[in-house]
């Protein structure tokens, strides 16, 4: 019998351990890249779409810095309080405090323009009149699939300013 040599006592990783470490590293990398992928603004598809209408409470809404949701980890940033939405529209950003969902209207997008047909305009102005309160709502946020897509002035609800 021969005595063990230093070469035979060398540490070796098993192939299963090597593949396990590689797989876990790949999953962690994919998860970090998925979380940190730059956010894209929600856009309405060309043509008609159904959107939810929420009135913006102007007394509780505050200005915000633009670009807060951009960059690799923008989707994780929280530029507003937990009860307000970060909305960029017409080159400005706000932390909008919203009222309850008022209803759904149909809008039409052509190019960069969001138009509201007569029926949608009537619905928005009627909801604003029914809202009551000391100060009637002046603006409404249009939301599709949980993402803001436009801001419309209640006084002139014919065209919405795209969000994003």
Protein backbone atom coordinates (compact mmCIF):
# COMPACT_ATOMS: atom_id res chain seq x y z
CA UNK A 1 0.00 0.00 0.00
CA UNK A 2 1.23 3.37 -0.82
CA UNK A 3 0.73 6.50 1.22
CA UNK A 4 -1.64 9.17 -0.17
CA UNK A 5 0.09 11.95 -2.02
CA UNK A 6 -0.66 15.65 -1.95
CA UNK A 7 -1.97 15.48 -5.52
CA UNK A 8 -4.73 12.99 -4.67
CA UNK A 9 -6.04 15.18 -1.80
CA UNK A 10 -6.81 18.11 -4.17
CA UNK A 11 -10.35 19.63 -3.87
CA UNK A 12 -12.64 19.19 -6.88
CA UNK A 13 -16.09 20.60 -7.50
CA UNK A 14 -18.60 18.05 -8.67
CA UNK A 15 -20.26 18.74 -12.03
CA UNK A 16 -23.68 18.94 -10.34
CA UNK A 17 -22.49 21.66 -7.95
CA UNK A 18 -20.89 23.57 -10.83
CA UNK A 19 -24.12 23.48 -12.87
CA UNK A 20 -26.17 24.43 -9.81
CA UNK A 21 -24.04 27.50 -9.11
CA UNK A 22 -24.19 28.48 -12.79
CA UNK A 23 -28.00 28.12 -12.92
CA UNK A 24 -28.55 30.16 -9.74
CA UNK A 25 -26.21 32.88 -11.00
CA UNK A 26 -28.06 33.02 -14.34
CA UNK A 27 -31.45 33.27 -12.61
CA UNK A 28 -30.29 36.06 -10.31
CA UNK A 29 -28.83 37.96 -13.25
CA UNK A 30 -32.04 37.57 -15.29
CA UNK A 31 -34.15 38.73 -12.33
CA UNK A 32 -32.04 41.83 -11.75
CA UNK A 33 -32.14 42.72 -15.45
CA UNK A 34 -35.91 42.18 -15.56
CA UNK A 35 -36.49 44.44 -12.54
CA UNK A 36 -34.13 47.09 -13.80
CA UNK A 37 -35.18 47.23 -17.45
CA UNK A 38 -35.92 50.85 -18.41
CA UNK A 39 -39.60 51.69 -18.03
CA UNK A 40 -41.55 52.60 -21.13
CA UNK A 41 -44.49 54.92 -21.08
CA UNK A 42 -47.87 53.31 -21.55
CA UNK A 43 -49.34 54.14 -24.92
CA UNK A 44 -52.74 53.69 -26.38
CA UNK A 45 -52.82 51.64 -29.56
CA UNK A 46 -53.88 53.47 -32.70
CA UNK A 47 -57.66 53.42 -33.07
CA UNK A 48 -60.33 53.20 -30.40
CA UNK A 49 -59.69 52.05 -26.83
CA UNK A 50 -61.62 51.80 -23.59
CA UNK A 51 -60.08 53.81 -20.72
CA UNK A 52 -61.04 54.36 -17.10
CA UNK A 53 -61.66 57.90 -15.88
CA UNK A 54 -60.36 59.11 -12.49
CA UNK A 55 -60.64 62.74 -11.43
CA UNK A 56 -57.45 64.40 -10.19
CA UNK A 57 -57.76 66.12 -6.82
CA UNK A 58 -55.87 69.35 -7.57
CA UNK A 59 -55.77 70.39 -3.90
CA UNK A 60 -53.71 67.29 -3.01
CA UNK A 61 -51.66 67.04 -6.22
CA UNK A 62 -48.04 68.21 -6.11
CA UNK A 63 -45.43 68.88 -8.81
CA UNK A 64 -42.70 66.27 -9.29
CA UNK A 65 -39.42 66.05 -11.19
CA UNK A 66 -39.65 64.58 -14.68
CA UNK A 67 -37.84 61.36 -15.55
CA UNK A 68 -38.31 59.72 -12.14
CA UNK A 69 -39.44 56.44 -13.74
CA UNK A 70 -36.69 56.39 -16.40
CA UNK A 71 -33.45 54.45 -16.27
CA UNK A 72 -32.55 50.95 -15.25
CA UNK A 73 -34.31 50.90 -11.89
CA UNK A 74 -36.97 53.53 -12.58
CA UNK A 75 -39.83 51.08 -12.13
CA UNK A 76 -38.68 50.57 -8.55
CA UNK A 77 -38.49 54.25 -7.67
CA UNK A 78 -41.22 55.82 -5.59
CA UNK A 79 -41.23 59.57 -6.33
CA UNK A 80 -44.73 59.99 -4.85
CA UNK A 81 -46.57 59.02 -1.69
CA UNK A 82 -48.26 55.65 -1.49
CA UNK A 83 -51.65 57.21 -2.25
CA UNK A 84 -50.72 59.21 -5.37
CA UNK A 85 -49.76 58.35 -8.93
CA UNK A 86 -46.65 59.58 -10.72
CA UNK A 87 -47.80 61.02 -14.06
CA UNK A 88 -45.75 62.74 -16.76
CA UNK A 89 -47.71 64.77 -19.27
CA UNK A 90 -46.89 67.67 -21.59
CA UNK A 91 -43.29 67.92 -20.37
CA UNK A 92 -44.21 68.15 -16.68
CA UNK A 93 -44.65 65.59 -13.93
CA UNK A 94 -47.07 65.47 -11.02
CA UNK A 95 -47.85 63.29 -8.05
CA UNK A 96 -51.58 63.06 -8.72
CA UNK A 97 -54.01 62.17 -5.99
CA UNK A 98 -56.98 60.51 -7.61
CA UNK A 99 -60.60 60.14 -6.73
CA UNK A 100 -62.47 56.91 -7.24
CA UNK A 101 -62.96 55.39 -10.66
CA UNK A 102 -65.85 57.25 -12.29
CA UNK A 103 -66.44 54.98 -15.26
CA UNK A 104 -65.15 53.92 -18.65
CA UNK A 105 -65.16 55.90 -21.89
CA UNK A 106 -64.04 55.21 -25.44
CA UNK A 107 -61.22 57.32 -26.87
CA UNK A 108 -59.53 57.41 -30.26
CA UNK A 109 -55.80 57.76 -30.80
CA UNK A 110 -54.46 59.11 -34.09
CA UNK A 111 -50.73 59.78 -34.13
CA UNK A 112 -49.84 61.56 -30.89
CA UNK A 113 -53.38 62.85 -30.37
CA UNK A 114 -56.03 61.31 -28.08
CA UNK A 115 -59.54 62.45 -29.01
CA UNK A 116 -62.70 61.97 -26.98
CA UNK A 117 -65.96 61.57 -28.92
CA UNK A 118 -69.10 63.50 -27.92
CA UNK A 119 -70.43 60.66 -25.73
CA UNK A 120 -67.18 60.53 -23.73
CA UNK A 121 -67.20 64.32 -23.29
CA UNK A 122 -70.78 64.24 -21.98
CA UNK A 123 -69.91 61.46 -19.54
CA UNK A 124 -66.87 63.30 -18.14
CA UNK A 125 -68.68 66.62 -17.70
CA UNK A 126 -71.67 64.86 -16.09
CA UNK A 127 -69.43 62.96 -13.67
CA UNK A 128 -67.64 66.22 -12.79
CA UNK A 129 -70.95 67.94 -12.10
CA UNK A 130 -72.05 65.03 -9.88
CA UNK A 131 -68.75 64.99 -7.99
CA UNK A 132 -69.86 67.85 -5.77
CA UNK A 133 -67.47 69.15 -3.16
CA UNK A 134 -66.18 72.66 -2.61
CA UNK A 135 -64.05 72.62 -5.74
CA UNK A 136 -65.25 70.67 -8.78
CA UNK A 137 -62.58 68.58 -10.54
CA UNK A 138 -60.69 70.40 -13.27
CA UNK A 139 -58.74 67.46 -14.72
CA UNK A 140 -59.24 63.75 -15.23
CA UNK A 141 -56.67 61.00 -15.62
CA UNK A 142 -57.30 58.39 -18.30
CA UNK A 143 -56.05 54.93 -17.27
CA UNK A 144 -55.70 51.80 -19.38
CA UNK A 145 -54.56 48.47 -17.90
CA UNK A 146 -53.48 50.18 -14.68
CA UNK A 147 -51.23 52.71 -16.46
CA UNK A 148 -51.94 56.43 -17.01
CA UNK A 149 -52.31 57.22 -20.70
CA UNK A 150 -53.63 60.77 -20.76
CA UNK A 151 -54.84 63.84 -18.89
CA UNK A 152 -57.97 65.66 -19.98
CA UNK A 153 -59.27 69.08 -18.90
CA UNK A 154 -62.89 68.82 -17.71
CA UNK A 155 -63.68 72.29 -19.13
CA UNK A 156 -62.63 71.16 -22.63
CA UNK A 157 -62.70 67.34 -22.73
CA UNK A 158 -62.39 67.06 -26.51
CA UNK A 159 -58.67 66.16 -26.55
CA UNK A 160 -56.46 64.56 -23.93
CA UNK A 161 -52.76 65.25 -23.45
CA UNK A 162 -50.88 61.92 -23.67
CA UNK A 163 -49.12 60.80 -20.50
CA UNK A 164 -45.59 59.56 -20.57
